[in-house]
Amino acid sequence: MSSGALYRRSEMYQQLGQYDAALCDLNRILLSHPHDVRALLLRSVIRWQHQRRYNEAIADLTLIVSSLDCNNAVAFCHRGVCYQRLRRYDEAFADFNEALLIEPESLMAHTHRGLAHQECHQHLPAIEDFERALDIEPVSAAAYCYMAYSYRCLGQHMTAINNYNRALELQPNNTSALAGRAFSSACDGHHELALKDYAKVLELESEPQPSVLLSRAFSLEALGRWSEAIDDLQQAERILSAAISNNNESDEQCAMLWLFRGQAHRALGHWEQAIADLERYSHLSHRSDPRGFVELGAVLHEQGLTEQAQEHFSQAKRLLPAGTVELTRAIRAYRN
């Protein structure tokens, strides 16, 4: 079979979600043409995007940029994403920067560099990248959502809401934008508006997301609707427990489940379970994410263990860069 036919069949397999079969055809091409840049690039994308085989993808992309095509901005960008997924941020930023030197208008490089900045709690440079992405592609609802999240983390909720609104003008049923707008509305005290958006999110999604249930419970509590809030928290707890017990991914992929279930346990007053889940999350996140320490400190504070709570708040504070408002306010509220 010719290389052209193998490419076409590999593409068909990808469209059907049969990624192992698609890889087999690309491997057949590479047996005959080991330096085929197109095949290496396509194989790397399948490996990182669909199979989480990041190190194998990095090997393919490194062969491209080091030996075959040193000016391949796409390969640098994809390798940067692999490093980002592995939390190797220095290498990720270096590759995104290299991609942008070669191709300054790369939407993917600006977007993913912005996401890497977010993951490092560097929200001002993240916003700059998302603004640049929107200059390149003004109808990117995703970029508006990403930028709104950074404004939210900076405590600028009205600006965040404006950006979520722009995303919703482009995609009225964008659940990320609806949930984000609801969260920012709640933070500004507009819980009734938040509940309307959460209701639409739950209507649009085939299965309720625990993060949405947890956030909606916060607004229900604020309005004194305790029984409904408890129902949401208990449903979130059940979903998360099932996801954790059935989880076939690595602990890294499971980390957010522990954080959300810890939050649900805390809200329900299940202190021991909350501490166990939040400690697990802090361990899995390589002690680089302050959220686990903030939640742990809150649980300990609510139990009257002030000294231990302060230790966790101090650890969270050390991880927070200047200007990250949302978590800083949470720490201050408990310290006071």
Protein backbone atom coordinates (compact mmCIF):
# COMPACT_ATOMS: atom_id res chain seq x y z
CA MET A 1 0.00 0.00 0.00
CA SER A 2 1.37 3.45 -0.93
CA SER A 3 2.18 6.11 1.67
CA GLY A 4 -0.70 8.21 0.36
CA ALA A 5 -3.17 5.39 0.90
CA LEU A 6 -1.78 4.74 4.40
CA TYR A 7 -2.16 8.42 5.26
CA ARG A 8 -5.77 8.40 4.09
CA ARG A 9 -6.60 5.24 6.02
CA SER A 10 -4.86 6.56 9.14
CA GLU A 11 -6.96 9.72 8.95
CA MET A 12 -10.11 7.62 8.60
CA TYR A 13 -9.17 5.57 11.68
CA GLN A 14 -8.62 8.79 13.65
CA GLN A 15 -12.06 10.09 12.67
CA LEU A 16 -13.51 6.81 13.97
CA GLY A 17 -11.55 7.11 17.22
CA GLN A 18 -9.47 4.00 16.40
CA TYR A 19 -6.14 5.51 17.38
CA ASP A 20 -4.13 2.30 17.68
CA ALA A 21 -5.06 1.40 14.11
CA ALA A 22 -4.16 4.93 12.97
CA LEU A 23 -0.76 4.58 14.66
CA CYS A 24 -0.15 1.24 12.93
CA ASP A 25 -0.51 2.89 9.52
CA LEU A 26 1.75 5.78 10.48
CA ASN A 27 4.32 3.30 11.80
CA ARG A 28 4.22 1.49 8.45
CA ILE A 29 4.99 4.76 6.69
CA LEU A 30 7.88 5.44 9.06
CA LEU A 31 9.35 1.97 8.54
CA SER A 32 9.89 2.90 4.89
CA HIS A 33 10.51 6.61 5.45
CA PRO A 34 11.91 7.08 9.00
CA HIS A 35 12.43 10.82 8.49
CA ASP A 36 8.95 11.62 7.19
CA VAL A 37 8.14 14.80 9.15
CA ARG A 38 4.42 14.62 8.45
CA ALA A 39 4.14 11.06 9.77
CA LEU A 40 6.23 11.87 12.85
CA LEU A 41 4.11 14.91 13.60
CA LEU A 42 0.81 13.05 13.17
CA ARG A 43 2.05 10.16 15.32
CA SER A 44 3.12 12.54 18.07
CA VAL A 45 -0.29 14.25 18.08
CA ILE A 46 -2.11 10.93 18.51
CA ARG A 47 0.27 9.95 21.29
CA TRP A 48 -0.10 13.10 23.37
CA GLN A 49 -3.63 14.17 22.52
CA HIS A 50 -5.43 10.83 22.72
CA GLN A 51 -3.17 8.43 24.60
CA ARG A 52 -1.24 10.63 27.07
CA ARG A 53 2.03 9.06 25.90
CA TYR A 54 3.82 12.36 26.34
CA ASN A 55 7.42 11.15 26.47
CA GLU A 56 7.03 9.16 23.24
CA ALA A 57 5.49 12.20 21.57
CA ILE A 58 8.38 14.35 22.81
CA ALA A 59 10.85 11.89 21.23
CA ASP A 60 9.16 12.23 17.81
CA LEU A 61 8.96 16.00 18.04
CA THR A 62 12.56 16.32 19.20
CA LEU A 63 13.70 14.34 16.16
CA ILE A 64 11.83 16.83 13.97
CA VAL A 65 13.15 20.05 15.52
CA SER A 66 16.69 18.84 16.20
CA SER A 67 17.47 17.03 12.93
CA LEU A 68 14.80 17.32 10.27
CA ASP A 69 13.17 20.76 10.38
CA CYS A 70 14.56 23.13 13.01
CA ASN A 71 12.08 25.85 11.96
CA ASN A 72 8.95 23.76 12.42
CA ALA A 73 6.84 25.98 14.67
CA VAL A 74 4.06 23.38 14.91
CA ALA A 75 6.46 20.75 16.26
CA PHE A 76 7.85 23.16 18.85
CA CYS A 77 4.32 24.05 19.89
CA HIS A 78 3.19 20.44 20.24
CA ARG A 79 6.30 19.58 22.23
CA GLY A 80 5.60 22.56 24.47
CA VAL A 81 2.12 21.17 25.16
CA CYS A 82 3.65 17.78 26.08
CA TYR A 83 6.02 19.47 28.53
CA GLN A 84 3.10 21.50 29.90
CA ARG A 85 1.09 18.32 30.53
CA LEU A 86 4.09 16.89 32.38
CA ARG A 87 4.39 20.12 34.43
CA ARG A 88 7.84 20.77 32.99
CA TYR A 89 7.02 24.43 32.60
CA ASP A 90 10.49 25.85 31.88
CA GLU A 91 10.80 23.55 28.87
CA ALA A 92 7.21 24.28 27.83
CA PHE A 93 7.76 28.05 27.86
CA ALA A 94 11.02 27.65 25.93
CA ASP A 95 9.23 25.71 23.19
CA PHE A 96 6.26 28.10 22.99
CA ASN A 97 8.68 31.03 22.77
CA GLU A 98 10.63 29.28 20.01
CA ALA A 99 7.42 28.58 18.09
CA LEU A 100 6.46 32.25 18.32
CA LEU A 101 9.88 33.39 17.11
CA ILE A 102 9.33 31.27 14.01
CA GLU A 103 5.62 31.99 13.63
CA PRO A 104 4.52 35.08 15.63
CA GLU A 105 0.87 34.58 14.62
CA SER A 106 0.62 31.05 16.01
CA LEU A 107 -2.78 30.83 17.70
CA MET A 108 -1.91 27.52 19.33
CA ALA A 109 1.36 28.81 20.80
CA HIS A 110 -0.24 31.93 22.30
CA THR A 111 -3.19 29.96 23.66
CA HIS A 112 -1.15 27.20 25.26
CA ARG A 113 1.49 29.59 26.61
CA GLY A 114 -1.36 31.48 28.22
CA LEU A 115 -2.71 28.25 29.74
CA ALA A 116 0.77 27.39 31.04
CA HIS A 117 0.96 30.84 32.66
CA GLN A 118 -2.43 30.16 34.28
CA GLU A 119 -1.21 26.85 35.67
CA CYS A 120 1.73 28.72 37.18
CA HIS A 121 -0.69 31.35 38.64
CA GLN A 122 0.84 34.01 36.37
CA HIS A 123 -2.40 35.61 35.27
CA LEU A 124 -1.22 38.94 33.84
CA PRO A 125 1.05 37.35 31.20
CA ALA A 126 -1.69 34.78 30.59
CA ILE A 127 -4.13 37.59 29.75
CA GLU A 128 -1.59 39.11 27.35
CA ASP A 129 -1.34 35.82 25.47
CA PHE A 130 -5.12 35.38 25.28
CA GLU A 131 -5.52 38.95 24.03
CA ARG A 132 -2.95 38.18 21.33
CA ALA A 133 -4.82 34.98 20.48
CA LEU A 134 -8.01 37.02 20.05
CA ASP A 135 -6.19 39.48 17.78
CA ILE A 136 -5.33 36.49 15.58
CA GLU A 137 -8.72 34.74 15.89
CA PRO A 138 -11.40 37.20 17.11
CA VAL A 139 -14.14 34.56 17.20
CA SER A 140 -12.40 32.21 19.63
CA ALA A 141 -14.91 31.59 22.42
CA ALA A 142 -12.31 29.46 24.19
CA ALA A 143 -9.84 32.36 24.39
CA TYR A 144 -12.52 34.59 25.94
CA CYS A 145 -13.24 31.88 28.53
CA TYR A 146 -9.57 31.41 29.34
CA MET A 147 -9.05 35.16 29.72
CA ALA A 148 -12.16 35.44 31.88
CA TYR A 149 -10.77 32.78 34.22
CA SER A 150 -7.56 34.77 34.73
CA TYR A 151 -9.53 37.94 35.49
CA ARG A 152 -11.61 35.90 37.94
CA CYS A 153 -8.46 34.72 39.73
CA LEU A 154 -7.36 38.36 39.96
CA GLY A 155 -10.67 39.22 41.64
CA GLN A 156 -11.90 41.27 38.67
CA HIS A 157 -15.26 39.56 38.38
CA MET A 158 -17.07 42.16 36.29
CA THR A 159 -14.32 42.00 33.68
CA ALA A 160 -14.50 38.23 33.85
CA ILE A 161 -18.27 38.33 33.31
CA ASN A 162 -17.84 40.63 30.31
CA ASN A 163 -15.47 38.13 28.73
CA TYR A 164 -17.79 35.22 29.47
CA ASN A 165 -20.57 37.23 27.81
CA ARG A 166 -18.41 37.66 24.70
CA ALA A 167 -17.85 33.90 24.61
CA LEU A 168 -21.60 33.31 24.93
CA GLU A 169 -22.34 35.71 22.08
CA LEU A 170 -20.24 33.40 19.93
CA GLN A 171 -21.45 30.13 21.48
CA PRO A 172 -24.70 30.58 23.45
CA ASN A 173 -24.58 27.03 24.84
CA ASN A 174 -20.92 27.07 25.89
CA THR A 175 -21.14 25.36 29.29
CA SER A 176 -17.67 26.52 30.38
CA ALA A 177 -18.69 30.14 29.81
CA LEU A 178 -22.04 29.67 31.57
CA ALA A 179 -20.44 27.99 34.60
CA GLY A 180 -17.68 30.58 34.75
CA ARG A 181 -20.15 33.47 34.54
CA ALA A 182 -22.21 31.85 37.29
CA PHE A 183 -19.18 31.54 39.56
CA SER A 184 -18.17 35.19 39.04
CA SER A 185 -21.76 36.33 39.57
CA ALA A 186 -21.84 34.42 42.87
CA CYS A 187 -18.53 35.97 43.94
CA ASP A 188 -20.10 39.39 43.35
CA GLY A 189 -23.10 38.37 45.48
CA HIS A 190 -25.55 37.81 42.60
CA HIS A 191 -26.56 34.29 43.57
CA GLU A 192 -29.94 34.27 41.83
CA LEU A 193 -28.24 35.08 38.51
CA ALA A 194 -25.66 32.40 39.24
CA LEU A 195 -28.36 29.79 39.84
CA LYS A 196 -29.95 30.54 36.46
CA ASP A 197 -26.66 29.90 34.69
CA TYR A 198 -25.96 26.75 36.71
CA ALA A 199 -29.46 25.45 35.83
CA LYS A 200 -28.74 25.94 32.13
CA VAL A 201 -25.37 24.18 32.44
CA LEU A 202 -26.98 21.17 34.10
CA GLU A 203 -29.71 21.15 31.45
CA LEU A 204 -27.15 21.13 28.62
CA GLU A 205 -24.77 18.53 30.05
CA SER A 206 -25.60 14.85 29.69
CA GLU A 207 -24.16 14.18 33.15
CA PRO A 208 -23.79 16.73 35.97
CA GLN A 209 -20.23 17.88 36.61
CA PRO A 210 -19.22 17.75 40.30
CA SER A 211 -17.53 21.16 40.06
CA VAL A 212 -20.86 22.70 38.93
CA LEU A 213 -22.78 20.98 41.74
CA LEU A 214 -20.26 22.19 44.31
CA SER A 215 -20.42 25.76 43.03
CA ARG A 216 -24.21 25.74 42.87
CA ALA A 217 -24.32 24.48 46.46
CA PHE A 218 -22.34 27.57 47.49
CA SER A 219 -25.01 29.87 46.00
CA LEU A 220 -27.84 27.81 47.47
CA GLU A 221 -26.24 28.05 50.92
CA ALA A 222 -25.86 31.82 50.53
CA LEU A 223 -29.60 32.07 49.85
CA GLY A 224 -30.46 29.87 52.84
CA ARG A 225 -31.67 26.98 50.68
CA TRP A 226 -29.87 24.42 52.81
CA SER A 227 -31.66 21.21 51.83
CA GLU A 228 -31.06 21.85 48.12
CA ALA A 229 -27.42 22.64 48.81
CA ILE A 230 -26.98 19.39 50.72
CA ASP A 231 -28.61 17.47 47.86
CA ASP A 232 -26.06 18.95 45.43
CA LEU A 233 -23.14 18.21 47.73
CA GLN A 234 -24.22 14.63 48.31
CA GLN A 235 -24.70 14.08 44.57
CA ALA A 236 -21.25 15.53 43.88
CA GLU A 237 -19.75 13.28 46.56
CA ARG A 238 -21.36 10.17 45.02
CA ILE A 239 -20.16 11.04 41.50
CA LEU A 240 -16.63 11.75 42.68
CA SER A 241 -16.41 8.61 44.79
CA ALA A 242 -17.51 6.51 41.81
CA ALA A 243 -15.01 8.28 39.53
CA ILE A 244 -12.18 7.70 42.01
CA SER A 245 -12.99 4.02 42.50
CA ASN A 246 -13.32 3.44 38.74
CA ASN A 247 -10.38 5.63 37.78
CA ASN A 248 -8.08 3.97 35.28
CA GLU A 249 -5.85 6.97 34.76
CA SER A 250 -2.67 7.86 36.57
CA ASP A 251 -2.85 9.49 39.99
CA GLU A 252 -1.95 12.75 38.27
CA GLN A 253 -5.10 12.62 36.15
CA CYS A 254 -7.16 11.72 39.23
CA ALA A 255 -5.88 14.60 41.36
CA MET A 256 -8.77 17.01 40.74
CA LEU A 257 -11.26 14.34 41.83
CA TRP A 258 -9.64 14.27 45.27
CA LEU A 259 -9.77 18.08 45.52
CA PHE A 260 -13.45 18.27 44.61
CA ARG A 261 -14.46 15.37 46.85
CA GLY A 262 -12.49 16.94 49.71
CA GLN A 263 -14.44 20.15 49.20
CA ALA A 264 -17.72 18.22 49.24
CA HIS A 265 -16.75 16.36 52.43
CA ARG A 266 -15.78 19.65 54.07
CA ALA A 267 -19.10 21.31 53.18
CA LEU A 268 -20.95 18.28 54.56
CA GLY A 269 -18.94 18.34 57.79
CA HIS A 270 -17.16 15.04 57.09
CA TRP A 271 -13.91 16.30 58.56
CA GLU A 272 -11.76 13.16 58.56
CA GLN A 273 -12.70 12.28 54.99
CA ALA A 274 -12.09 15.87 53.89
CA ILE A 275 -8.61 15.91 55.42
CA ALA A 276 -7.72 12.56 53.85
CA ASP A 277 -8.83 13.64 50.37
CA LEU A 278 -7.20 17.07 50.55
CA GLU A 279 -3.91 15.64 51.80
CA ARG A 280 -3.98 13.21 48.89
CA TYR A 281 -4.62 16.06 46.47
CA SER A 282 -1.75 18.14 47.87
CA HIS A 283 0.54 15.15 47.43
CA LEU A 284 -0.62 14.40 43.89
CA SER A 285 -0.31 18.03 42.76
CA HIS A 286 3.39 17.91 43.72
CA ARG A 287 2.72 20.44 46.47
CA SER A 288 2.64 23.14 43.79
CA ASP A 289 -1.07 24.07 43.94
CA PRO A 290 -2.18 26.24 46.88
CA ARG A 291 -5.83 25.18 46.71
CA GLY A 292 -5.30 21.96 48.65
CA PHE A 293 -3.49 23.81 51.44
CA VAL A 294 -6.20 26.49 51.62
CA GLU A 295 -8.93 23.87 51.91
CA LEU A 296 -6.95 21.86 54.47
CA GLY A 297 -6.35 25.00 56.51
CA ALA A 298 -10.06 25.79 56.39
CA VAL A 299 -11.01 22.33 57.66
CA LEU A 300 -8.51 22.50 60.51
CA HIS A 301 -9.60 26.06 61.38
CA GLU A 302 -13.23 24.95 61.55
CA GLN A 303 -12.20 22.21 63.98
CA GLY A 304 -10.43 24.73 66.20
CA LEU A 305 -6.93 23.54 65.27
CA THR A 306 -5.71 27.07 64.66
CA GLU A 307 -1.96 26.43 64.79
CA GLN A 308 -2.09 23.60 62.26
CA ALA A 309 -4.42 25.66 60.07
CA GLN A 310 -1.94 28.55 60.04
CA GLU A 311 0.81 26.20 58.86
CA HIS A 312 -1.25 25.20 55.84
CA PHE A 313 -2.25 28.80 55.08
CA SER A 314 1.42 29.81 55.24
CA GLN A 315 2.30 27.03 52.80
CA ALA A 316 -0.46 28.20 50.45
CA LYS A 317 0.72 31.79 50.72
CA ARG A 318 4.25 30.79 49.71
CA LEU A 319 2.84 29.24 46.54
CA LEU A 320 0.73 32.26 45.59
CA PRO A 321 2.33 34.92 43.37
CA ALA A 322 1.49 38.54 44.05
CA GLY A 323 -1.82 39.56 42.54
CA THR A 324 -3.67 36.28 42.90
CA VAL A 325 -6.67 37.61 44.73
CA GLU A 326 -9.17 34.78 45.01
CA LEU A 327 -7.18 32.41 47.25
CA THR A 328 -5.47 35.22 49.13
CA ARG A 329 -8.88 36.50 50.26
CA ALA A 330 -9.83 33.00 51.39
CA ILE A 331 -6.69 32.74 53.54
CA ARG A 332 -7.24 36.20 55.02
CA ALA A 333 -10.86 35.38 55.88
CA TYR A 334 -9.82 32.41 58.00
CA ARG A 335 -6.81 34.12 59.56
CA ASN A 336 -9.04 36.94 60.73
